[in-house]
Every structure is written in C-alpha cells, then in structure tokens.
Amino acid sequence: MKKIKKWAENLLKQLELLYKIYTYPKTPWYAKISIGIVIAYALSPIDLIPDFIPILGYLDDLLILPLGIYLSLKLVPDYVIEECREIEVDLSKFKGKKIVSALLISAIWLLLIYLLIRRLFR
C-alpha cells in the first residue's frame, strides 16, 4: 500500500511539474500541446476506458496517464525542465475550481463526441 501511495504522490508531482512547464515561456509550442492534452486528460471526469470495465478500466489510470507524462517530458528540453523544477507555484487557487474545470472538460468531451457522431452518420 505504501508503494501505491508513493506512486500516486509522484504522479501528482509530475503533473505539477507539467503545469509549471506549460506556463513557462521558453517551452516549445509542440510540447505545450502535448502537455495540455495530458493535463486535460488528468483533470477529465471522463476516462478513455470507463472504470466499471474490469481490469481494463483502470489501465488508463495506470498506463495512459504515466505514458502521456513521460512522452510530454521527452518533448521538453532539459534546461526548461530544470528551470521549472525551481519555480514555486501556488496550486491552492485551483482547489475551488474543480467543478468548473470538470464541467468545461465534460463539455469538450461532449462536443467531440457530437462531432464524431455527426461525421459518422452523414
């Protein structure tokens, strides 16, 4: 259980680092796109694979998110990562905005699903 807790804490630290990198002005545009997708997926109340599906439901949390973090960090130059590790960011301002961000991300998912269905049945 301690390993799982440590893994989850490390995942949160990596997401915090991604946020710092995303807001950093020297970050390349292609890395910002990748990081934005990963952060949006992490905040999204809708999973790619629903959690009620046995075993597969948790694969996105255990594999897709860490893989997205890893690939996003590979796109960022090392000097940017090091500079961002030293930046202090107050993330407490986001605690009260969870509902708003969940609604926004849900709306984006619904829009994408609508556009996909519309395209398929045209």
Foldseek 3Di string as FASTA:
>chain_A
DVVVVVVVVVLVVLLVLLVLLLPDPVWDPVLNVLSVVLNLQVLEPDHPADLVPPPVNCCCVVPVNVVSSVVSVVSGDPVSSVVSVPDDDDPPVCPVCSVVSNVVSVVVVVVVVVVVVVVVVD
